[in-house]
PDB file of N, CA and C in Angstrom:
ATOM      1  N   MET A   1     190.846  68.007  94.811  1.00  0.00           N
ATOM      2  CA  MET A   1     191.422  69.165  95.459  1.00  0.00           C
ATOM      3  C   MET A   1     191.906  68.779  96.856  1.00  0.00           C
ATOM      4  N   ILE A   2     193.065  69.242  97.210  1.00  0.00           N
ATOM      5  CA  ILE A   2     193.638  68.960  98.525  1.00  0.00           C
ATOM      6  C   ILE A   2     193.083  69.967  99.529  1.00  0.00           C
ATOM      7  N   GLY A   3     192.580  69.466 100.650  1.00  0.00           N
ATOM      8  CA  GLY A   3     192.076  70.337 101.690  1.00  0.00           C
ATOM      9  C   GLY A   3     193.209  70.885 102.552  1.00  0.00           C
ATOM     10  N   VAL A   4     192.885  71.854 103.365  1.00  0.00           N
ATOM     11  CA  VAL A   4     193.880  72.499 104.223  1.00  0.00           C
ATOM     12  C   VAL A   4     194.548  71.481 105.139  1.00  0.00           C
ATOM     13  N   ASN A   5     193.750  70.636 105.804  1.00  0.00           N
ATOM     14  CA  ASN A   5     194.336  69.664 106.735  1.00  0.00           C
ATOM     15  C   ASN A   5     195.276  68.704 106.033  1.00  0.00           C
ATOM     16  N   GLU A   6     194.905  68.257 104.843  1.00  0.00           N
ATOM     17  CA  GLU A   6     195.766  67.333 104.100  1.00  0.00           C
ATOM     18  C   GLU A   6     197.064  68.025 103.683  1.00  0.00           C
ATOM     19  N   ASN A   7     196.970  69.270 103.278  1.00  0.00           N
ATOM     20  CA  ASN A   7     198.154  70.019 102.876  1.00  0.00           C
ATOM     21  C   ASN A   7     199.091  70.236 104.062  1.00  0.00           C
ATOM     22  N   VAL A   8     198.529  70.594 105.203  1.00  0.00           N
ATOM     23  CA  VAL A   8     199.336  70.775 106.410  1.00  0.00           C
ATOM     24  C   VAL A   8     199.973  69.452 106.816  1.00  0.00           C
ATOM     25  N   GLU A   9     199.210  68.380 106.723  1.00  0.00           N
ATOM     26  CA  GLU A   9     199.744  67.065 107.085  1.00  0.00           C
ATOM     27  C   GLU A   9     200.932  66.687 106.201  1.00  0.00           C
ATOM     28  N   ARG A  10     200.872  67.008 104.927  1.00  0.00           N
ATOM     29  CA  ARG A  10     202.004  66.752 104.029  1.00  0.00           C
ATOM     30  C   ARG A  10     203.240  67.518 104.496  1.00  0.00           C
ATOM     31  N   GLY A  11     203.043  68.783 104.878  1.00  0.00           N
ATOM     32  CA  GLY A  11     204.160  69.575 105.378  1.00  0.00           C
ATOM     33  C   GLY A  11     204.727  69.020 106.673  1.00  0.00           C
ATOM     34  N   LEU A  12     203.850  68.601 107.567  1.00  0.00           N
ATOM     35  CA  LEU A  12     204.301  68.004 108.821  1.00  0.00           C
ATOM     36  C   LEU A  12     205.141  66.752 108.551  1.00  0.00           C
ATOM     37  N   HIS A  13     204.634  65.892 107.704  1.00  0.00           N
ATOM     38  CA  HIS A  13     205.352  64.648 107.397  1.00  0.00           C
ATOM     39  C   HIS A  13     206.695  64.930 106.746  1.00  0.00           C
ATOM     40  N   ALA A  14     206.749  65.943 105.891  1.00  0.00           N
ATOM     41  CA  ALA A  14     208.023  66.305 105.243  1.00  0.00           C
ATOM     42  C   ALA A  14     209.055  66.757 106.266  1.00  0.00           C
ATOM     43  N   ALA A  15     208.584  67.303 107.383  1.00  0.00           N
ATOM     44  CA  ALA A  15     209.483  67.764 108.445  1.00  0.00           C
ATOM     45  C   ALA A  15     209.702  66.700 109.522  1.00  0.00           C
ATOM     46  N   GLY A  16     209.164  65.505 109.314  1.00  0.00           N
ATOM     47  CA  GLY A  16     209.311  64.435 110.301  1.00  0.00           C
ATOM     48  C   GLY A  16     208.394  64.602 111.496  1.00  0.00           C
ATOM     49  N   ALA A  17     207.265  65.279 111.292  1.00  0.00           N
ATOM     50  CA  ALA A  17     206.330  65.550 112.386  1.00  0.00           C
ATOM     51  C   ALA A  17     204.950  64.983 112.054  1.00  0.00           C
ATOM     52  N   THR A  18     204.091  64.949 113.079  1.00  0.00           N
ATOM     53  CA  THR A  18     202.698  64.539 112.909  1.00  0.00           C
ATOM     54  C   THR A  18     201.835  65.571 113.619  1.00  0.00           C
ATOM     55  N   TRP A  19     200.520  65.375 113.554  1.00  0.00           N
ATOM     56  CA  TRP A  19     199.613  66.281 114.266  1.00  0.00           C
ATOM     57  C   TRP A  19     199.892  66.266 115.770  1.00  0.00           C
ATOM     58  N   ASP A  20     200.409  65.154 116.290  1.00  0.00           N
ATOM     59  CA  ASP A  20     200.726  65.069 117.723  1.00  0.00           C
ATOM     60  C   ASP A  20     201.855  66.019 118.121  1.00  0.00           C
ATOM     61  N   ASP A  21     202.660  66.454 117.165  1.00  0.00           N
ATOM     62  CA  ASP A  21     203.782  67.359 117.436  1.00  0.00           C
ATOM     63  C   ASP A  21     203.407  68.835 117.334  1.00  0.00           C
ATOM     64  N   VAL A  22     202.186  69.131 116.893  1.00  0.00           N
ATOM     65  CA  VAL A  22     201.762  70.522 116.712  1.00  0.00           C
ATOM     66  C   VAL A  22     201.579  71.184 118.072  1.00  0.00           C
ATOM     67  N   VAL A  23     202.220  72.349 118.238  1.00  0.00           N
ATOM     68  CA  VAL A  23     202.163  73.065 119.516  1.00  0.00           C
ATOM     69  C   VAL A  23     201.409  74.390 119.412  1.00  0.00           C
ATOM     70  N   PHE A  24     201.154  74.866 118.188  1.00  0.00           N
ATOM     71  CA  PHE A  24     200.429  76.123 118.021  1.00  0.00           C
ATOM     72  C   PHE A  24     199.928  76.242 116.586  1.00  0.00           C
ATOM     73  N   ILE A  25     198.745  76.807 116.419  1.00  0.00           N
ATOM     74  CA  ILE A  25     198.175  77.055 115.092  1.00  0.00           C
ATOM     75  C   ILE A  25     197.685  78.498 115.032  1.00  0.00           C
ATOM     76  N   ARG A  26     198.014  79.165 113.933  1.00  0.00           N
ATOM     77  CA  ARG A  26     197.515  80.527 113.701  1.00  0.00           C
ATOM     78  C   ARG A  26     196.780  80.521 112.363  1.00  0.00           C
ATOM     79  N   ARG A  27     195.531  80.984 112.381  1.00  0.00           N
ATOM     80  CA  ARG A  27     194.716  81.019 111.163  1.00  0.00           C
ATOM     81  C   ARG A  27     194.374  82.466 110.815  1.00  0.00           C
ATOM     82  N   PHE A  28     194.472  82.763 109.531  1.00  0.00           N
ATOM     83  CA  PHE A  28     194.060  84.061 109.005  1.00  0.00           C
ATOM     84  C   PHE A  28     192.870  83.807 108.086  1.00  0.00           C
ATOM     85  N   VAL A  29     191.762  84.509 108.295  1.00  0.00           N
ATOM     86  CA  VAL A  29     190.566  84.324 107.474  1.00  0.00           C
ATOM     87  C   VAL A  29     190.083  85.671 106.946  1.00  0.00           C
ATOM     88  N   LEU A  30     189.393  85.617 105.812  1.00  0.00           N
ATOM     89  CA  LEU A  30     188.833  86.840 105.239  1.00  0.00           C
ATOM     90  C   LEU A  30     187.507  87.206 105.882  1.00  0.00           C
ATOM     91  N   ASP A  31     186.746  86.208 106.320  1.00  0.00           N
ATOM     92  CA  ASP A  31     185.408  86.448 106.858  1.00  0.00           C
ATOM     93  C   ASP A  31     185.209  85.558 108.086  1.00  0.00           C
ATOM     94  N   MET A  32     185.303  86.164 109.262  1.00  0.00           N
ATOM     95  CA  MET A  32     185.209  85.419 110.523  1.00  0.00           C
ATOM     96  C   MET A  32     183.872  84.696 110.655  1.00  0.00           C
ATOM     97  N   ALA A  33     182.788  85.368 110.325  1.00  0.00           N
ATOM     98  CA  ALA A  33     181.463  84.754 110.464  1.00  0.00           C
ATOM     99  C   ALA A  33     181.315  83.548 109.541  1.00  0.00           C
ATOM    100  N   ALA A  34     181.778  83.656 108.310  1.00  0.00           N
ATOM    101  CA  ALA A  34     181.697  82.544 107.366  1.00  0.00           C
ATOM    102  C   ALA A  34     182.568  81.383 107.838  1.00  0.00           C
ATOM    103  N   TYR A  35     183.760  81.676 108.347  1.00  0.00           N
ATOM    104  CA  TYR A  35     184.657  80.625 108.842  1.00  0.00           C
ATOM    105  C   TYR A  35     184.004  79.877 109.998  1.00  0.00           C
ATOM    106  N   ARG A  36     183.452  80.601 110.947  1.00  0.00           N
ATOM    107  CA  ARG A  36     182.815  79.957 112.101  1.00  0.00           C
ATOM    108  C   ARG A  36     181.585  79.160 111.698  1.00  0.00           C
ATOM    109  N   ALA A  37     180.832  79.658 110.725  1.00  0.00           N
ATOM    110  CA  ALA A  37     179.646  78.926 110.265  1.00  0.00           C
ATOM    111  C   ALA A  37     180.040  77.575 109.691  1.00  0.00           C
ATOM    112  N   VAL A  38     181.109  77.530 108.909  1.00  0.00           N
ATOM    113  CA  VAL A  38     181.586  76.264 108.345  1.00  0.00           C
ATOM    114  C   VAL A  38     182.154  75.379 109.450  1.00  0.00           C
ATOM    115  N   LEU A  39     182.939  75.967 110.337  1.00  0.00           N
ATOM    116  CA  LEU A  39     183.582  75.204 111.397  1.00  0.00           C
ATOM    117  C   LEU A  39     182.582  74.512 112.312  1.00  0.00           C
ATOM    118  N   PHE A  40     181.486  75.185 112.632  1.00  0.00           N
ATOM    119  CA  PHE A  40     180.527  74.632 113.585  1.00  0.00           C
ATOM    120  C   PHE A  40     179.306  73.992 112.928  1.00  0.00           C
ATOM    121  N   ASP A  41     179.338  73.808 111.621  1.00  0.00           N
ATOM    122  CA  ASP A  41     178.254  73.144 110.905  1.00  0.00           C
ATOM    123  C   ASP A  41     178.361  71.644 111.143  1.00  0.00           C
ATOM    124  N   ARG A  42     177.389  71.064 111.819  1.00  0.00           N
ATOM    125  CA  ARG A  42     177.419  69.635 112.165  1.00  0.00           C
ATOM    126  C   ARG A  42     177.409  68.738 110.929  1.00  0.00           C
ATOM    127  N   ASP A  43     176.878  69.227 109.822  1.00  0.00           N
ATOM    128  CA  ASP A  43     176.815  68.433 108.594  1.00  0.00           C
ATOM    129  C   ASP A  43     178.062  68.610 107.725  1.00  0.00           C
ATOM    130  N   ASN A  44     179.018  69.376 108.214  1.00  0.00           N
ATOM    131  CA  ASN A  44     180.222  69.661 107.454  1.00  0.00           C
ATOM    132  C   ASN A  44     181.117  68.428 107.401  1.00  0.00           C
ATOM    133  N   ALA A  45     181.720  68.191 106.247  1.00  0.00           N
ATOM    134  CA  ALA A  45     182.562  67.008 106.068  1.00  0.00           C
ATOM    135  C   ALA A  45     184.045  67.291 106.305  1.00  0.00           C
ATOM    136  N   ILE A  46     184.383  68.417 106.937  1.00  0.00           N
ATOM    137  CA  ILE A  46     185.788  68.727 107.202  1.00  0.00           C
ATOM    138  C   ILE A  46     186.334  67.686 108.174  1.00  0.00           C
ATOM    139  N   PRO A  47     187.422  67.022 107.807  1.00  0.00           N
ATOM    140  CA  PRO A  47     187.984  66.020 108.729  1.00  0.00           C
ATOM    141  C   PRO A  47     188.526  66.672 109.997  1.00  0.00           C
ATOM    142  N   GLY A  48     188.224  66.075 111.120  1.00  0.00           N
ATOM    143  CA  GLY A  48     188.682  66.618 112.397  1.00  0.00           C
ATOM    144  C   GLY A  48     189.920  65.894 112.892  1.00  0.00           C
ATOM    145  N   VAL A  49     191.024  66.593 112.966  1.00  0.00           N
ATOM    146  CA  VAL A  49     192.252  65.956 113.453  1.00  0.00           C
ATOM    147  C   VAL A  49     192.334  65.991 114.972  1.00  0.00           C
ATOM    148  N   TRP A  50     191.445  66.715 115.632  1.00  0.00           N
ATOM    149  CA  TRP A  50     191.501  66.840 117.093  1.00  0.00           C
ATOM    150  C   TRP A  50     190.325  66.140 117.765  1.00  0.00           C
ATOM    151  N   GLU A  51     189.647  65.248 117.068  1.00  0.00           N
ATOM    152  CA  GLU A  51     188.455  64.611 117.614  1.00  0.00           C
ATOM    153  C   GLU A  51     188.714  63.811 118.882  1.00  0.00           C
ATOM    154  N   ASP A  52     189.888  63.186 119.003  1.00  0.00           N
ATOM    155  CA  ASP A  52     190.145  62.330 120.155  1.00  0.00           C
ATOM    156  C   ASP A  52     191.168  62.919 121.132  1.00  0.00           C
ATOM    157  N   ARG A  53     191.480  64.200 120.980  1.00  0.00           N
ATOM    158  CA  ARG A  53     192.432  64.844 121.895  1.00  0.00           C
ATOM    159  C   ARG A  53     192.206  66.353 121.885  1.00  0.00           C
ATOM    160  N   ASP A  54     192.791  67.025 122.862  1.00  0.00           N
ATOM    161  CA  ASP A  54     192.660  68.476 122.944  1.00  0.00           C
ATOM    162  C   ASP A  54     193.532  69.147 121.883  1.00  0.00           C
ATOM    163  N   PRO A  55     193.001  70.168 121.218  1.00  0.00           N
ATOM    164  CA  PRO A  55     193.811  70.882 120.234  1.00  0.00           C
ATOM    165  C   PRO A  55     194.858  71.750 120.924  1.00  0.00           C
ATOM    166  N   PRO A  56     195.916  72.114 120.192  1.00  0.00           N
ATOM    167  CA  PRO A  56     196.926  73.007 120.762  1.00  0.00           C
ATOM    168  C   PRO A  56     196.380  74.432 120.838  1.00  0.00           C
ATOM    169  N   PRO A  57     197.074  75.327 121.525  1.00  0.00           N
ATOM    170  CA  PRO A  57     196.658  76.731 121.524  1.00  0.00           C
ATOM    171  C   PRO A  57     196.603  77.247 120.082  1.00  0.00           C
ATOM    172  N   SER A  58     195.712  78.211 119.849  1.00  0.00           N
ATOM    173  CA  SER A  58     195.594  78.749 118.502  1.00  0.00           C
ATOM    174  C   SER A  58     195.109  80.189 118.536  1.00  0.00           C
ATOM    175  N   THR A  59     195.315  80.862 117.417  1.00  0.00           N
ATOM    176  CA  THR A  59     194.842  82.230 117.229  1.00  0.00           C
ATOM    177  C   THR A  59     194.097  82.277 115.906  1.00  0.00           C
ATOM    178  N   LEU A  60     192.973  82.978 115.881  1.00  0.00           N
ATOM    179  CA  LEU A  60     192.184  83.173 114.670  1.00  0.00           C
ATOM    180  C   LEU A  60     192.109  84.673 114.413  1.00  0.00           C
ATOM    181  N   ILE A  61     192.585  85.095 113.232  1.00  0.00           N
ATOM    182  CA  ILE A  61     192.682  86.520 112.913  1.00  0.00           C
ATOM    183  C   ILE A  61     191.941  86.806 111.616  1.00  0.00           C
ATOM    184  N   GLU A  62     191.036  87.767 111.648  1.00  0.00           N
ATOM    185  CA  GLU A  62     190.356  88.196 110.428  1.00  0.00           C
ATOM    186  C   GLU A  62     191.187  89.292 109.767  1.00  0.00           C
ATOM    187  N   VAL A  63     191.431  89.135 108.454  1.00  0.00           N
ATOM    188  CA  VAL A  63     192.261  90.086 107.713  1.00  0.00           C
ATOM    189  C   VAL A  63     191.510  90.579 106.483  1.00  0.00           C
ATOM    190  N   GLY A  64     192.011  91.665 105.881  1.00  0.00           N
ATOM    191  CA  GLY A  64     191.387  92.239 104.692  1.00  0.00           C
ATOM    192  C   GLY A  64     191.787  91.553 103.404  1.00  0.00           C
ATOM    193  N   ALA A  65     192.938  90.872 103.389  1.00  0.00           N
ATOM    194  CA  ALA A  65     193.410  90.179 102.199  1.00  0.00           C
ATOM    195  C   ALA A  65     194.431  89.121 102.599  1.00  0.00           C
ATOM    196  N   LEU A  66     194.590  88.136 101.720  1.00  0.00           N
ATOM    197  CA  LEU A  66     195.589  87.086 101.918  1.00  0.00           C
ATOM    198  C   LEU A  66     196.577  87.137 100.764  1.00  0.00           C
ATOM    199  N   SER A  67     197.603  86.316 100.821  1.00  0.00           N
ATOM    200  CA  SER A  67     198.674  86.379  99.828  1.00  0.00           C
ATOM    201  C   SER A  67     198.221  85.999  98.423  1.00  0.00           C
ATOM    202  N   GLU A  68     197.224  85.133  98.321  1.00  0.00           N
ATOM    203  CA  GLU A  68     196.679  84.728  97.017  1.00  0.00           C
ATOM    204  C   GLU A  68     195.210  85.132  96.963  1.00  0.00           C
ATOM    205  N   LEU A  69     194.792  85.716  95.835  1.00  0.00           N
ATOM    206  CA  LEU A  69     193.419  86.212  95.707  1.00  0.00           C
ATOM    207  C   LEU A  69     192.371  85.116  95.842  1.00  0.00           C
ATOM    208  N   CYS A  70     192.701  83.880  95.485  1.00  0.00           N
ATOM    209  CA  CYS A  70     191.722  82.792  95.532  1.00  0.00           C
ATOM    210  C   CYS A  70     191.577  82.184  96.927  1.00  0.00           C
ATOM    211  N   GLN A  71     192.411  82.569  97.875  1.00  0.00           N
ATOM    212  CA  GLN A  71     192.382  81.962  99.205  1.00  0.00           C
ATOM    213  C   GLN A  71     191.346  82.618 100.111  1.00  0.00           C
ATOM    214  N   LEU A  72     190.738  81.803 100.946  1.00  0.00           N
ATOM    215  CA  LEU A  72     189.825  82.277 101.986  1.00  0.00           C
ATOM    216  C   LEU A  72     190.429  82.091 103.368  1.00  0.00           C
ATOM    217  N   LEU A  73     191.477  81.267 103.451  1.00  0.00           N
ATOM    218  CA  LEU A  73     192.086  80.883 104.717  1.00  0.00           C
ATOM    219  C   LEU A  73     193.579  80.682 104.507  1.00  0.00           C
ATOM    220  N   GLU A  74     194.360  81.126 105.470  1.00  0.00           N
ATOM    221  CA  GLU A  74     195.796  80.867 105.481  1.00  0.00           C
ATOM    222  C   GLU A  74     196.139  80.357 106.870  1.00  0.00           C
ATOM    223  N   VAL A  75     196.995  79.340 106.959  1.00  0.00           N
ATOM    224  CA  VAL A  75     197.274  78.685 108.235  1.00  0.00           C
ATOM    225  C   VAL A  75     198.776  78.586 108.475  1.00  0.00           C
ATOM    226  N   ASP A  76     199.190  78.939 109.688  1.00  0.00           N
ATOM    227  CA  ASP A  76     200.553  78.680 110.157  1.00  0.00           C
ATOM    228  C   ASP A  76     200.448  77.601 111.217  1.00  0.00           C
ATOM    229  N   VAL A  77     201.216  76.532 111.050  1.00  0.00           N
ATOM    230  CA  VAL A  77     201.215  75.441 112.019  1.00  0.00           C
ATOM    231  C   VAL A  77     202.635  75.283 112.546  1.00  0.00           C
ATOM    232  N   PHE A  78     202.765  75.326 113.848  1.00  0.00           N
ATOM    233  CA  PHE A  78     204.073  75.192 114.500  1.00  0.00           C
ATOM    234  C   PHE A  78     204.130  73.828 115.181  1.00  0.00           C
ATOM    235  N   ALA A  79     205.173  73.073 114.881  1.00  0.00           N
ATOM    236  CA  ALA A  79     205.361  71.748 115.477  1.00  0.00           C
ATOM    237  C   ALA A  79     206.743  71.673 116.108  1.00  0.00           C
ATOM    238  N   ALA A  80     206.849  70.903 117.162  1.00  0.00           N
ATOM    239  CA  ALA A  80     208.128  70.690 117.847  1.00  0.00           C
ATOM    240  C   ALA A  80     208.455  69.210 117.795  1.00  0.00           C
ATOM    241  N   VAL A  81     209.615  68.918 117.236  1.00  0.00           N
ATOM    242  CA  VAL A  81     210.063  67.528 117.166  1.00  0.00           C
ATOM    243  C   VAL A  81     211.467  67.425 117.786  1.00  0.00           C
ATOM    244  N   ALA A  82     211.770  66.253 118.305  1.00  0.00           N
ATOM    245  CA  ALA A  82     213.070  66.036 118.925  1.00  0.00           C
ATOM    246  C   ALA A  82     214.172  66.076 117.869  1.00  0.00           C
ATOM    247  N   SER A  83     215.301  66.626 118.237  1.00  0.00           N
ATOM    248  CA  SER A  83     216.451  66.688 117.347  1.00  0.00           C
ATOM    249  C   SER A  83     217.225  65.374 117.413  1.00  0.00           C
ATOM    250  N   ASP A  84     217.838  65.003 116.307  1.00  0.00           N
ATOM    251  CA  ASP A  84     218.668  63.797 116.280  1.00  0.00           C
ATOM    252  C   ASP A  84     220.034  64.039 116.893  1.00  0.00           C
ATOM    253  N   ASN A  85     220.357  65.291 117.171  1.00  0.00           N
ATOM    254  CA  ASN A  85     221.693  65.636 117.712  1.00  0.00           C
ATOM    255  C   ASN A  85     221.783  65.357 119.187  1.00  0.00           C
TER     256      ASN A  85
END
């Protein structure tokens, strides 16, 4: 199964960007307490893309439903890359 970070990374690469180009992240979650418990669990195996640098600004929003019934999290990642023009 592909994790959220890996899926986002695929999208970034398809757009010619990397995590270094990310300028903003917006997360939508169904359960804020559950999300924070996983996020701050020291034994959690979630790969950290911001371990060696400061993360970009972000917003975390708890919602009543997401676009797909099986989802617990939805993420918008905004990246800025230089234009070739």
